[in-house]
Amino acid sequence: MSPNFTADAGLAFERHDHAHCAGSAMARAEALSEAKGARLTPVRRRTLEILLESHRALGAYDVLEKLAEEGFGKQPPVAYRALEFLVEQGFAHRIRRLNAFTACMNPGTAHRPAFFICRSCSAVAEAQAEAVRTAMDRAAEEIGFAIERVNLEALGLCHACAEAAE
């Protein structure tokens, strides 16, 4: 596991100081943008802040609605371009199962995450999945397959929703 990777990925399903984890991810994204010479424009910054507001995945139109309320424009390309930039820079991840986006809680770290999505409360936890990816790479190599992209997404219930369902 990368030394800077969040040790407690389960925080997404727990009560915690969310301002601290969101602030930390934003600070890392700002520092990385500056180091890479990538422009974190006001709309890109606000889009990342919106994604960091909770440990949930948001669709592009959800992001666009919030951006429009704040005067950033109402046209879909506004949100899509900002989200594309954030994904390219490693500041956000696309959750394909939900056709949505979530903030990367570990920007700037080399990691191969898996996403755990609560089907009840929609919380999304990002956890290190290096061992799974290594096994997949090994299996692919054995059959002569070159993996180009992997999205590990698990749908289920977080412990709070599972307890509430009992």
C-alpha atoms as a PDB file:
ATOM      1  CA  MET A   1       0.000   0.000   0.000  1.00  0.00           C
ATOM      2  CA  SER A   2       1.247   3.469  -0.812  1.00  0.00           C
ATOM      3  CA  PRO A   3       2.520   5.248   2.301  1.00  0.00           C
ATOM      4  CA  ASN A   4       0.118   8.145   1.723  1.00  0.00           C
ATOM      5  CA  PHE A   5      -2.963   6.038   1.021  1.00  0.00           C
ATOM      6  CA  THR A   6      -5.793   6.566   3.479  1.00  0.00           C
ATOM      7  CA  ALA A   7      -5.537   3.724   5.970  1.00  0.00           C
ATOM      8  CA  ASP A   8      -9.206   3.774   6.957  1.00  0.00           C
ATOM      9  CA  ALA A   9     -11.150   3.613   3.713  1.00  0.00           C
ATOM     10  CA  GLY A  10     -14.235   2.678   5.745  1.00  0.00           C
ATOM     11  CA  LEU A  11     -14.551   6.288   6.899  1.00  0.00           C
ATOM     12  CA  ALA A  12     -17.063   6.781   4.098  1.00  0.00           C
ATOM     13  CA  PHE A  13     -19.444   4.604   6.096  1.00  0.00           C
ATOM     14  CA  GLU A  14     -18.673   6.118   9.513  1.00  0.00           C
ATOM     15  CA  ARG A  15     -19.333   9.385  11.285  1.00  0.00           C
ATOM     16  CA  HIS A  16     -16.059  11.293  11.098  1.00  0.00           C
ATOM     17  CA  ASP A  17     -14.506  14.730  10.721  1.00  0.00           C
ATOM     18  CA  HIS A  18     -15.397  14.979   7.058  1.00  0.00           C
ATOM     19  CA  ALA A  19     -14.105  18.539   6.821  1.00  0.00           C
ATOM     20  CA  HIS A  20     -10.647  17.196   7.668  1.00  0.00           C
ATOM     21  CA  CYS A  21     -10.593  14.411   5.048  1.00  0.00           C
ATOM     22  CA  ALA A  22     -12.133  16.672   2.367  1.00  0.00           C
ATOM     23  CA  GLY A  23      -9.764  19.520   3.234  1.00  0.00           C
ATOM     24  CA  SER A  24      -6.786  17.198   3.102  1.00  0.00           C
ATOM     25  CA  ALA A  25      -7.778  15.850  -0.336  1.00  0.00           C
ATOM     26  CA  MET A  26      -8.352  19.401  -1.627  1.00  0.00           C
ATOM     27  CA  ALA A  27      -4.989  20.585  -0.310  1.00  0.00           C
ATOM     28  CA  ARG A  28      -3.226  17.666  -2.037  1.00  0.00           C
ATOM     29  CA  ALA A  29      -5.104  18.376  -5.289  1.00  0.00           C
ATOM     30  CA  GLU A  30      -4.126  22.055  -5.154  1.00  0.00           C
ATOM     31  CA  ALA A  31      -0.459  21.219  -4.513  1.00  0.00           C
ATOM     32  CA  LEU A  32      -0.442  18.620  -7.311  1.00  0.00           C
ATOM     33  CA  SER A  33      -2.071  21.041  -9.744  1.00  0.00           C
ATOM     34  CA  GLU A  34       0.573  23.617  -9.011  1.00  0.00           C
ATOM     35  CA  ALA A  35       3.406  21.073  -9.303  1.00  0.00           C
ATOM     36  CA  LYS A  36       2.077  19.752 -12.637  1.00  0.00           C
ATOM     37  CA  GLY A  37       1.282  23.189 -14.002  1.00  0.00           C
ATOM     38  CA  ALA A  38      -2.355  22.130 -14.386  1.00  0.00           C
ATOM     39  CA  ARG A  39      -4.861  24.942 -13.967  1.00  0.00           C
ATOM     40  CA  LEU A  40      -7.406  24.366 -11.242  1.00  0.00           C
ATOM     41  CA  THR A  41      -9.810  26.985 -12.599  1.00  0.00           C
ATOM     42  CA  PRO A  42     -12.696  28.251 -10.459  1.00  0.00           C
ATOM     43  CA  VAL A  43     -15.200  25.848 -12.088  1.00  0.00           C
ATOM     44  CA  ARG A  44     -12.793  22.896 -11.737  1.00  0.00           C
ATOM     45  CA  ARG A  45     -12.067  23.801  -8.114  1.00  0.00           C
ATOM     46  CA  ARG A  46     -15.774  24.146  -7.308  1.00  0.00           C
ATOM     47  CA  THR A  47     -16.537  20.844  -9.056  1.00  0.00           C
ATOM     48  CA  LEU A  48     -13.952  19.107  -6.881  1.00  0.00           C
ATOM     49  CA  GLU A  49     -15.369  20.812  -3.780  1.00  0.00           C
ATOM     50  CA  ILE A  50     -18.839  19.549  -4.737  1.00  0.00           C
ATOM     51  CA  LEU A  51     -17.502  15.992  -5.072  1.00  0.00           C
ATOM     52  CA  LEU A  52     -15.709  16.346  -1.740  1.00  0.00           C
ATOM     53  CA  GLU A  53     -18.867  17.448   0.089  1.00  0.00           C
ATOM     54  CA  SER A  54     -19.722  13.829   0.850  1.00  0.00           C
ATOM     55  CA  HIS A  55     -18.509  10.305   0.249  1.00  0.00           C
ATOM     56  CA  ARG A  56     -21.053   9.794  -2.504  1.00  0.00           C
ATOM     57  CA  ALA A  57     -20.876   9.517  -6.259  1.00  0.00           C
ATOM     58  CA  LEU A  58     -22.622  12.268  -8.198  1.00  0.00           C
ATOM     59  CA  GLY A  59     -23.794  12.265 -11.773  1.00  0.00           C
ATOM     60  CA  ALA A  60     -22.637  15.014 -14.114  1.00  0.00           C
ATOM     61  CA  TYR A  61     -26.104  16.584 -14.059  1.00  0.00           C
ATOM     62  CA  ASP A  62     -26.097  16.666 -10.247  1.00  0.00           C
ATOM     63  CA  VAL A  63     -22.792  18.540 -10.401  1.00  0.00           C
ATOM     64  CA  LEU A  64     -24.101  20.790 -13.181  1.00  0.00           C
ATOM     65  CA  GLU A  65     -27.169  21.701 -11.116  1.00  0.00           C
ATOM     66  CA  LYS A  66     -24.996  22.849  -8.219  1.00  0.00           C
ATOM     67  CA  LEU A  67     -22.629  24.727 -10.530  1.00  0.00           C
ATOM     68  CA  ALA A  68     -25.560  26.463 -12.239  1.00  0.00           C
ATOM     69  CA  GLU A  69     -26.999  27.549  -8.864  1.00  0.00           C
ATOM     70  CA  GLU A  70     -23.684  29.278  -8.220  1.00  0.00           C
ATOM     71  CA  GLY A  71     -23.508  30.992 -11.623  1.00  0.00           C
ATOM     72  CA  PHE A  72     -21.004  28.740 -13.383  1.00  0.00           C
ATOM     73  CA  GLY A  73     -23.263  28.010 -16.352  1.00  0.00           C
ATOM     74  CA  LYS A  74     -26.109  25.689 -17.216  1.00  0.00           C
ATOM     75  CA  GLN A  75     -24.740  23.840 -20.234  1.00  0.00           C
ATOM     76  CA  PRO A  76     -23.679  20.182 -19.737  1.00  0.00           C
ATOM     77  CA  PRO A  77     -20.158  20.735 -21.160  1.00  0.00           C
ATOM     78  CA  VAL A  78     -19.395  22.935 -18.134  1.00  0.00           C
ATOM     79  CA  ALA A  79     -19.684  19.963 -15.781  1.00  0.00           C
ATOM     80  CA  TYR A  80     -18.363  17.319 -18.183  1.00  0.00           C
ATOM     81  CA  ARG A  81     -15.181  19.265 -18.957  1.00  0.00           C
ATOM     82  CA  ALA A  82     -14.486  19.934 -15.293  1.00  0.00           C
ATOM     83  CA  LEU A  83     -15.119  16.287 -14.364  1.00  0.00           C
ATOM     84  CA  GLU A  84     -12.945  15.066 -17.242  1.00  0.00           C
ATOM     85  CA  PHE A  85     -10.095  17.295 -16.051  1.00  0.00           C
ATOM     86  CA  LEU A  86     -10.443  16.030 -12.472  1.00  0.00           C
ATOM     87  CA  VAL A  87     -10.382  12.386 -13.601  1.00  0.00           C
ATOM     88  CA  GLU A  88      -7.388  12.987 -15.903  1.00  0.00           C
ATOM     89  CA  GLN A  89      -5.466  14.639 -13.069  1.00  0.00           C
ATOM     90  CA  GLY A  90      -6.318  11.841 -10.623  1.00  0.00           C
ATOM     91  CA  PHE A  91      -8.482  14.071  -8.407  1.00  0.00           C
ATOM     92  CA  ALA A  92     -11.694  12.140  -9.111  1.00  0.00           C
ATOM     93  CA  HIS A  93     -12.773   8.680 -10.194  1.00  0.00           C
ATOM     94  CA  ARG A  94     -15.569   7.618 -12.487  1.00  0.00           C
ATOM     95  CA  ILE A  95     -17.892   5.052 -10.943  1.00  0.00           C
ATOM     96  CA  ARG A  96     -19.067   3.271 -14.059  1.00  0.00           C
ATOM     97  CA  ARG A  97     -21.833   1.244 -12.412  1.00  0.00           C
ATOM     98  CA  LEU A  98     -23.540   4.476 -11.363  1.00  0.00           C
ATOM     99  CA  ASN A  99     -22.414   6.592 -14.332  1.00  0.00           C
ATOM    100  CA  ALA A 100     -21.201   9.022 -11.723  1.00  0.00           C
ATOM    101  CA  PHE A 101     -18.079  10.547 -10.223  1.00  0.00           C
ATOM    102  CA  THR A 102     -16.521  10.596  -6.781  1.00  0.00           C
ATOM    103  CA  ALA A 103     -13.602  12.564  -5.415  1.00  0.00           C
ATOM    104  CA  CYS A 104     -10.339  10.688  -5.075  1.00  0.00           C
ATOM    105  CA  MET A 105      -9.519  10.659  -1.394  1.00  0.00           C
ATOM    106  CA  ASN A 106      -5.848   9.959  -2.164  1.00  0.00           C
ATOM    107  CA  PRO A 107      -4.809  12.243  -5.018  1.00  0.00           C
ATOM    108  CA  GLY A 108      -1.168  12.038  -5.944  1.00  0.00           C
ATOM    109  CA  THR A 109      -0.658   8.511  -4.673  1.00  0.00           C
ATOM    110  CA  ALA A 110      -0.101   5.546  -6.922  1.00  0.00           C
ATOM    111  CA  HIS A 111      -3.027   3.332  -6.130  1.00  0.00           C
ATOM    112  CA  ARG A 112      -5.330   0.809  -7.714  1.00  0.00           C
ATOM    113  CA  PRO A 113      -8.622   1.311  -5.902  1.00  0.00           C
ATOM    114  CA  ALA A 114     -11.771  -0.697  -5.568  1.00  0.00           C
ATOM    115  CA  PHE A 115     -15.018   1.080  -4.838  1.00  0.00           C
ATOM    116  CA  PHE A 116     -17.553  -0.190  -2.330  1.00  0.00           C
ATOM    117  CA  ILE A 117     -20.972   1.289  -3.020  1.00  0.00           C
ATOM    118  CA  CYS A 118     -23.802   1.082  -0.481  1.00  0.00           C
ATOM    119  CA  ARG A 119     -26.991   0.419  -2.435  1.00  0.00           C
ATOM    120  CA  SER A 120     -29.071   1.933   0.366  1.00  0.00           C
ATOM    121  CA  CYS A 121     -27.363   5.197   1.398  1.00  0.00           C
ATOM    122  CA  SER A 122     -25.240   5.562  -1.774  1.00  0.00           C
ATOM    123  CA  ALA A 123     -22.020   6.129   0.165  1.00  0.00           C
ATOM    124  CA  VAL A 124     -18.871   5.179  -1.741  1.00  0.00           C
ATOM    125  CA  ALA A 125     -15.654   4.017  -0.082  1.00  0.00           C
ATOM    126  CA  GLU A 126     -12.391   3.899  -1.994  1.00  0.00           C
ATOM    127  CA  ALA A 127     -10.070   1.141  -0.799  1.00  0.00           C
ATOM    128  CA  GLN A 128      -6.721  -0.136  -1.991  1.00  0.00           C
ATOM    129  CA  ALA A 129      -7.088  -3.219  -4.215  1.00  0.00           C
ATOM    130  CA  GLU A 130      -3.487  -3.917  -5.152  1.00  0.00           C
ATOM    131  CA  ALA A 131      -3.751  -7.627  -4.373  1.00  0.00           C
ATOM    132  CA  VAL A 132      -6.827  -8.036  -6.580  1.00  0.00           C
ATOM    133  CA  ARG A 133      -5.204  -6.147  -9.442  1.00  0.00           C
ATOM    134  CA  THR A 134      -2.019  -8.195  -9.117  1.00  0.00           C
ATOM    135  CA  ALA A 135      -4.071 -11.394  -9.334  1.00  0.00           C
ATOM    136  CA  MET A 136      -5.913 -10.057 -12.389  1.00  0.00           C
ATOM    137  CA  ASP A 137      -2.646  -9.055 -14.064  1.00  0.00           C
ATOM    138  CA  ARG A 138      -1.232 -12.520 -13.433  1.00  0.00           C
ATOM    139  CA  ALA A 139      -4.354 -14.220 -14.815  1.00  0.00           C
ATOM    140  CA  ALA A 140      -4.346 -11.951 -17.873  1.00  0.00           C
ATOM    141  CA  GLU A 141      -0.679 -12.652 -18.525  1.00  0.00           C
ATOM    142  CA  GLU A 142      -1.317 -16.399 -18.375  1.00  0.00           C
ATOM    143  CA  ILE A 143      -3.836 -16.150 -21.214  1.00  0.00           C
ATOM    144  CA  GLY A 144      -1.945 -13.543 -23.229  1.00  0.00           C
ATOM    145  CA  PHE A 145      -4.336 -10.705 -22.488  1.00  0.00           C
ATOM    146  CA  ALA A 146      -3.266  -7.075 -22.026  1.00  0.00           C
ATOM    147  CA  ILE A 147      -5.501  -5.266 -19.524  1.00  0.00           C
ATOM    148  CA  GLU A 148      -6.081  -1.653 -20.478  1.00  0.00           C
ATOM    149  CA  ARG A 149      -8.596  -0.587 -17.852  1.00  0.00           C
ATOM    150  CA  VAL A 150     -10.081  -2.114 -14.724  1.00  0.00           C
ATOM    151  CA  ASN A 151     -12.886  -0.747 -12.596  1.00  0.00           C
ATOM    152  CA  LEU A 152     -13.429  -2.694  -9.404  1.00  0.00           C
ATOM    153  CA  GLU A 153     -16.821  -1.829  -7.992  1.00  0.00           C
ATOM    154  CA  ALA A 154     -18.712  -3.767  -5.365  1.00  0.00           C
ATOM    155  CA  LEU A 155     -22.367  -3.088  -4.580  1.00  0.00           C
ATOM    156  CA  GLY A 156     -23.765  -4.008  -1.196  1.00  0.00           C
ATOM    157  CA  LEU A 157     -24.706  -2.566   2.166  1.00  0.00           C
ATOM    158  CA  CYS A 158     -22.547  -0.597   4.567  1.00  0.00           C
ATOM    159  CA  HIS A 159     -22.722  -1.851   8.149  1.00  0.00           C
ATOM    160  CA  ALA A 160     -25.131   0.907   9.267  1.00  0.00           C
ATOM    161  CA  CYS A 161     -27.608   0.155   6.479  1.00  0.00           C
ATOM    162  CA  ALA A 162     -27.242  -3.597   7.010  1.00  0.00           C
ATOM    163  CA  GLU A 163     -28.032  -3.153  10.723  1.00  0.00           C
ATOM    164  CA  ALA A 164     -31.013  -0.922   9.921  1.00  0.00           C
ATOM    165  CA  ALA A 165     -32.350  -3.565   7.522  1.00  0.00           C
ATOM    166  CA  GLU A 166     -32.313  -6.299  10.198  1.00  0.00           C
END
